[in-house]
Structure formats: structure tokens, C-alpha cells
Amino acid sequence: MDNIFSFLNNQEMKMLEEELQVSLFLRGTKKITLTDAGKTLYEQTGNLYHLVSIF
């Protein structure tokens, strides 16, 4: 799951987490991975994107 949400910068990621009141990312020294909540958000937004792109 490398580069997921790579279009977001660090500040935007923090703002998204604050808005949703949940930790979405695990920040390591060399890479960022998704928490379970982050994976759920990714799956749901991917499904939404797919549905919107059909129409």
C-alpha cells in the first residue's frame, strides 16, 4: 500500500485526521502506512470514486 494518499502533504494528513477525529496513518521514519481506520477510508473512497466514474 505504498504511496496511498501520496497527494496529501503532512499538514493535510493531520487536518484530515483532526476533522475525522481518528488516526488514519502510522508514521514511521521512512514510510507511512494506514491504520485500520485509514484502510477502511481508502476502501470506501475507492468504492465511491468507482461509482462516480461510472456515471
PDB file of N, CA and C in Angstrom:
ATOM      1  N   MET A   1       0.817  -1.192   0.000  1.00  0.00           N
ATOM      2  CA  MET A   1       0.000   0.000   0.000  1.00  0.00           C
ATOM      3  C   MET A   1       0.858   1.251   0.000  1.00  0.00           C
ATOM      4  N   ASP A   2       1.960   1.174  -0.650  1.00  0.00           N
ATOM      5  CA  ASP A   2       2.832   2.341  -0.732  1.00  0.00           C
ATOM      6  C   ASP A   2       2.171   3.434  -1.557  1.00  0.00           C
ATOM      7  N   ASN A   3       2.452   4.659  -1.189  1.00  0.00           N
ATOM      8  CA  ASN A   3       2.003   5.847  -1.908  1.00  0.00           C
ATOM      9  C   ASN A   3       0.495   6.080  -1.887  1.00  0.00           C
ATOM     10  N   ILE A   4      -0.208   5.437  -0.986  1.00  0.00           N
ATOM     11  CA  ILE A   4      -1.632   5.715  -0.839  1.00  0.00           C
ATOM     12  C   ILE A   4      -1.771   7.088  -0.210  1.00  0.00           C
ATOM     13  N   PHE A   5      -2.642   7.886  -0.721  1.00  0.00           N
ATOM     14  CA  PHE A   5      -2.831   9.257  -0.267  1.00  0.00           C
ATOM     15  C   PHE A   5      -1.552  10.080  -0.442  1.00  0.00           C
ATOM     16  N   SER A   6      -0.708   9.710  -1.396  1.00  0.00           N
ATOM     17  CA  SER A   6       0.554  10.421  -1.598  1.00  0.00           C
ATOM     18  C   SER A   6       0.338  11.854  -2.069  1.00  0.00           C
ATOM     19  N   PHE A   7      -0.861  12.161  -2.537  1.00  0.00           N
ATOM     20  CA  PHE A   7      -1.161  13.521  -2.976  1.00  0.00           C
ATOM     21  C   PHE A   7      -1.352  14.464  -1.798  1.00  0.00           C
ATOM     22  N   LEU A   8      -1.496  13.923  -0.576  1.00  0.00           N
ATOM     23  CA  LEU A   8      -1.647  14.758   0.616  1.00  0.00           C
ATOM     24  C   LEU A   8      -0.284  15.058   1.217  1.00  0.00           C
ATOM     25  N   ASN A   9      -0.061  16.293   1.631  1.00  0.00           N
ATOM     26  CA  ASN A   9       1.161  16.574   2.365  1.00  0.00           C
ATOM     27  C   ASN A   9       0.899  16.304   3.845  1.00  0.00           C
ATOM     28  N   ASN A  10       1.936  16.371   4.656  1.00  0.00           N
ATOM     29  CA  ASN A  10       1.830  16.025   6.069  1.00  0.00           C
ATOM     30  C   ASN A  10       0.780  16.866   6.795  1.00  0.00           C
ATOM     31  N   GLN A  11       0.745  18.149   6.515  1.00  0.00           N
ATOM     32  CA  GLN A  11      -0.225  19.031   7.164  1.00  0.00           C
ATOM     33  C   GLN A  11      -1.652  18.644   6.777  1.00  0.00           C
ATOM     34  N   GLU A  12      -1.860  18.326   5.512  1.00  0.00           N
ATOM     35  CA  GLU A  12      -3.187  17.921   5.056  1.00  0.00           C
ATOM     36  C   GLU A  12      -3.616  16.598   5.691  1.00  0.00           C
ATOM     37  N   MET A  13      -2.664  15.672   5.867  1.00  0.00           N
ATOM     38  CA  MET A  13      -2.981  14.404   6.519  1.00  0.00           C
ATOM     39  C   MET A  13      -3.422  14.645   7.960  1.00  0.00           C
ATOM     40  N   LYS A  14      -2.712  15.508   8.667  1.00  0.00           N
ATOM     41  CA  LYS A  14      -3.076  15.822  10.050  1.00  0.00           C
ATOM     42  C   LYS A  14      -4.442  16.494  10.115  1.00  0.00           C
ATOM     43  N   MET A  15      -4.724  17.399   9.180  1.00  0.00           N
ATOM     44  CA  MET A  15      -6.020  18.079   9.152  1.00  0.00           C
ATOM     45  C   MET A  15      -7.154  17.079   8.903  1.00  0.00           C
ATOM     46  N   LEU A  16      -6.925  16.123   8.012  1.00  0.00           N
ATOM     47  CA  LEU A  16      -7.927  15.101   7.730  1.00  0.00           C
ATOM     48  C   LEU A  16      -8.194  14.260   8.977  1.00  0.00           C
ATOM     49  N   GLU A  17      -7.134  13.867   9.664  1.00  0.00           N
ATOM     50  CA  GLU A  17      -7.290  13.094  10.900  1.00  0.00           C
ATOM     51  C   GLU A  17      -8.039  13.895  11.965  1.00  0.00           C
ATOM     52  N   GLU A  18      -7.717  15.162  12.090  1.00  0.00           N
ATOM     53  CA  GLU A  18      -8.402  16.011  13.072  1.00  0.00           C
ATOM     54  C   GLU A  18      -9.878  16.165  12.725  1.00  0.00           C
ATOM     55  N   GLU A  19     -10.165  16.356  11.458  1.00  0.00           N
ATOM     56  CA  GLU A  19     -11.555  16.522  11.020  1.00  0.00           C
ATOM     57  C   GLU A  19     -12.374  15.263  11.301  1.00  0.00           C
ATOM     58  N   LEU A  20     -11.780  14.104  11.043  1.00  0.00           N
ATOM     59  CA  LEU A  20     -12.482  12.837  11.239  1.00  0.00           C
ATOM     60  C   LEU A  20     -12.359  12.312  12.668  1.00  0.00           C
ATOM     61  N   GLN A  21     -11.488  12.920  13.450  1.00  0.00           N
ATOM     62  CA  GLN A  21     -11.235  12.540  14.841  1.00  0.00           C
ATOM     63  C   GLN A  21     -10.815  11.077  14.967  1.00  0.00           C
ATOM     64  N   VAL A  22      -9.902  10.674  14.073  1.00  0.00           N
ATOM     65  CA  VAL A  22      -9.379   9.311  14.094  1.00  0.00           C
ATOM     66  C   VAL A  22      -7.983   9.314  13.477  1.00  0.00           C
ATOM     67  N   SER A  23      -7.139   8.429  13.954  1.00  0.00           N
ATOM     68  CA  SER A  23      -5.803   8.292  13.387  1.00  0.00           C
ATOM     69  C   SER A  23      -5.897   7.427  12.132  1.00  0.00           C
ATOM     70  N   LEU A  24      -5.451   7.964  11.015  1.00  0.00           N
ATOM     71  CA  LEU A  24      -5.527   7.257   9.740  1.00  0.00           C
ATOM     72  C   LEU A  24      -4.183   6.705   9.288  1.00  0.00           C
ATOM     73  N   PHE A  25      -3.102   7.291   9.784  1.00  0.00           N
ATOM     74  CA  PHE A  25      -1.773   6.965   9.295  1.00  0.00           C
ATOM     75  C   PHE A  25      -0.834   6.600  10.434  1.00  0.00           C
ATOM     76  N   LEU A  26       0.017   5.604  10.192  1.00  0.00           N
ATOM     77  CA  LEU A  26       1.111   5.280  11.095  1.00  0.00           C
ATOM     78  C   LEU A  26       2.368   5.852  10.459  1.00  0.00           C
ATOM     79  N   ARG A  27       2.973   6.798  11.122  1.00  0.00           N
ATOM     80  CA  ARG A  27       4.127   7.488  10.557  1.00  0.00           C
ATOM     81  C   ARG A  27       5.416   6.856  11.074  1.00  0.00           C
ATOM     82  N   GLY A  28       6.153   6.217  10.176  1.00  0.00           N
ATOM     83  CA  GLY A  28       7.447   5.650  10.511  1.00  0.00           C
ATOM     84  C   GLY A  28       8.550   6.601  10.096  1.00  0.00           C
ATOM     85  N   THR A  29       9.778   6.191  10.312  1.00  0.00           N
ATOM     86  CA  THR A  29      10.897   7.059   9.950  1.00  0.00           C
ATOM     87  C   THR A  29      11.090   7.137   8.442  1.00  0.00           C
ATOM     88  N   LYS A  30      10.702   6.082   7.727  1.00  0.00           N
ATOM     89  CA  LYS A  30      10.920   6.084   6.285  1.00  0.00           C
ATOM     90  C   LYS A  30       9.647   5.968   5.456  1.00  0.00           C
ATOM     91  N   LYS A  31       8.559   5.539   6.080  1.00  0.00           N
ATOM     92  CA  LYS A  31       7.331   5.432   5.295  1.00  0.00           C
ATOM     93  C   LYS A  31       6.113   5.587   6.187  1.00  0.00           C
ATOM     94  N   ILE A  32       5.004   5.819   5.549  1.00  0.00           N
ATOM     95  CA  ILE A  32       3.722   5.993   6.227  1.00  0.00           C
ATOM     96  C   ILE A  32       2.811   4.855   5.774  1.00  0.00           C
ATOM     97  N   THR A  33       2.151   4.225   6.734  1.00  0.00           N
ATOM     98  CA  THR A  33       1.195   3.172   6.417  1.00  0.00           C
ATOM     99  C   THR A  33      -0.164   3.550   6.993  1.00  0.00           C
ATOM    100  N   LEU A  34      -1.167   2.840   6.578  1.00  0.00           N
ATOM    101  CA  LEU A  34      -2.524   3.127   7.029  1.00  0.00           C
ATOM    102  C   LEU A  34      -2.882   2.329   8.280  1.00  0.00           C
ATOM    103  N   THR A  35      -3.623   2.951   9.167  1.00  0.00           N
ATOM    104  CA  THR A  35      -4.225   2.246  10.291  1.00  0.00           C
ATOM    105  C   THR A  35      -5.440   1.488   9.749  1.00  0.00           C
ATOM    106  N   ASP A  36      -6.094   0.718  10.596  1.00  0.00           N
ATOM    107  CA  ASP A  36      -7.315   0.036  10.155  1.00  0.00           C
ATOM    108  C   ASP A  36      -8.361   1.043   9.690  1.00  0.00           C
ATOM    109  N   ALA A  37      -8.479   2.153  10.417  1.00  0.00           N
ATOM    110  CA  ALA A  37      -9.427   3.201  10.019  1.00  0.00           C
ATOM    111  C   ALA A  37      -9.024   3.803   8.675  1.00  0.00           C
ATOM    112  N   GLY A  38      -7.737   3.987   8.463  1.00  0.00           N
ATOM    113  CA  GLY A  38      -7.249   4.511   7.195  1.00  0.00           C
ATOM    114  C   GLY A  38      -7.536   3.569   6.040  1.00  0.00           C
ATOM    115  N   LYS A  39      -7.379   2.270   6.290  1.00  0.00           N
ATOM    116  CA  LYS A  39      -7.687   1.273   5.259  1.00  0.00           C
ATOM    117  C   LYS A  39      -9.175   1.295   4.911  1.00  0.00           C
ATOM    118  N   THR A  40     -10.007   1.413   5.928  1.00  0.00           N
ATOM    119  CA  THR A  40     -11.449   1.480   5.696  1.00  0.00           C
ATOM    120  C   THR A  40     -11.806   2.711   4.875  1.00  0.00           C
ATOM    121  N   LEU A  41     -11.231   3.853   5.240  1.00  0.00           N
ATOM    122  CA  LEU A  41     -11.483   5.081   4.484  1.00  0.00           C
ATOM    123  C   LEU A  41     -11.038   4.921   3.036  1.00  0.00           C
ATOM    124  N   TYR A  42      -9.869   4.346   2.826  1.00  0.00           N
ATOM    125  CA  TYR A  42      -9.350   4.133   1.477  1.00  0.00           C
ATOM    126  C   TYR A  42     -10.290   3.243   0.663  1.00  0.00           C
ATOM    127  N   GLU A  43     -10.735   2.145   1.277  1.00  0.00           N
ATOM    128  CA  GLU A  43     -11.637   1.232   0.571  1.00  0.00           C
ATOM    129  C   GLU A  43     -12.953   1.917   0.222  1.00  0.00           C
ATOM    130  N   GLN A  44     -13.508   2.658   1.163  1.00  0.00           N
ATOM    131  CA  GLN A  44     -14.795   3.305   0.934  1.00  0.00           C
ATOM    132  C   GLN A  44     -14.693   4.431  -0.095  1.00  0.00           C
ATOM    133  N   THR A  45     -13.639   5.215  -0.029  1.00  0.00           N
ATOM    134  CA  THR A  45     -13.496   6.296  -1.007  1.00  0.00           C
ATOM    135  C   THR A  45     -13.179   5.731  -2.383  1.00  0.00           C
ATOM    136  N   GLY A  46     -12.467   4.606  -2.421  1.00  0.00           N
ATOM    137  CA  GLY A  46     -12.211   3.944  -3.699  1.00  0.00           C
ATOM    138  C   GLY A  46     -13.501   3.454  -4.325  1.00  0.00           C
ATOM    139  N   ASN A  47     -14.374   2.890  -3.493  1.00  0.00           N
ATOM    140  CA  ASN A  47     -15.678   2.439  -3.983  1.00  0.00           C
ATOM    141  C   ASN A  47     -16.504   3.618  -4.473  1.00  0.00           C
ATOM    142  N   LEU A  48     -16.483   4.705  -3.734  1.00  0.00           N
ATOM    143  CA  LEU A  48     -17.219   5.908  -4.121  1.00  0.00           C
ATOM    144  C   LEU A  48     -16.687   6.457  -5.440  1.00  0.00           C
ATOM    145  N   TYR A  49     -15.366   6.515  -5.569  1.00  0.00           N
ATOM    146  CA  TYR A  49     -14.758   7.003  -6.809  1.00  0.00           C
ATOM    147  C   TYR A  49     -15.197   6.136  -7.988  1.00  0.00           C
ATOM    148  N   HIS A  50     -15.209   4.837  -7.784  1.00  0.00           N
ATOM    149  CA  HIS A  50     -15.618   3.920  -8.849  1.00  0.00           C
ATOM    150  C   HIS A  50     -17.068   4.178  -9.260  1.00  0.00           C
ATOM    151  N   LEU A  51     -17.943   4.333  -8.274  1.00  0.00           N
ATOM    152  CA  LEU A  51     -19.351   4.590  -8.577  1.00  0.00           C
ATOM    153  C   LEU A  51     -19.541   5.906  -9.324  1.00  0.00           C
ATOM    154  N   VAL A  52     -18.832   6.941  -8.905  1.00  0.00           N
ATOM    155  CA  VAL A  52     -18.951   8.247  -9.551  1.00  0.00           C
ATOM    156  C   VAL A  52     -18.405   8.191 -10.972  1.00  0.00           C
ATOM    157  N   SER A  53     -17.325   7.456 -11.184  1.00  0.00           N
ATOM    158  CA  SER A  53     -16.713   7.412 -12.511  1.00  0.00           C
ATOM    159  C   SER A  53     -17.567   6.641 -13.517  1.00  0.00           C
ATOM    160  N   ILE A  54     -18.457   5.796 -13.029  1.00  0.00           N
ATOM    161  CA  ILE A  54     -19.352   5.053 -13.920  1.00  0.00           C
ATOM    162  C   ILE A  54     -20.332   6.003 -14.603  1.00  0.00           C
ATOM    163  N   PHE A  55     -20.761   7.001 -13.866  1.00  0.00           N
ATOM    164  CA  PHE A  55     -21.770   7.928 -14.384  1.00  0.00           C
ATOM    165  C   PHE A  55     -21.062   9.070 -14.988  1.00  0.00           C
TER     166      PHE A  55
END
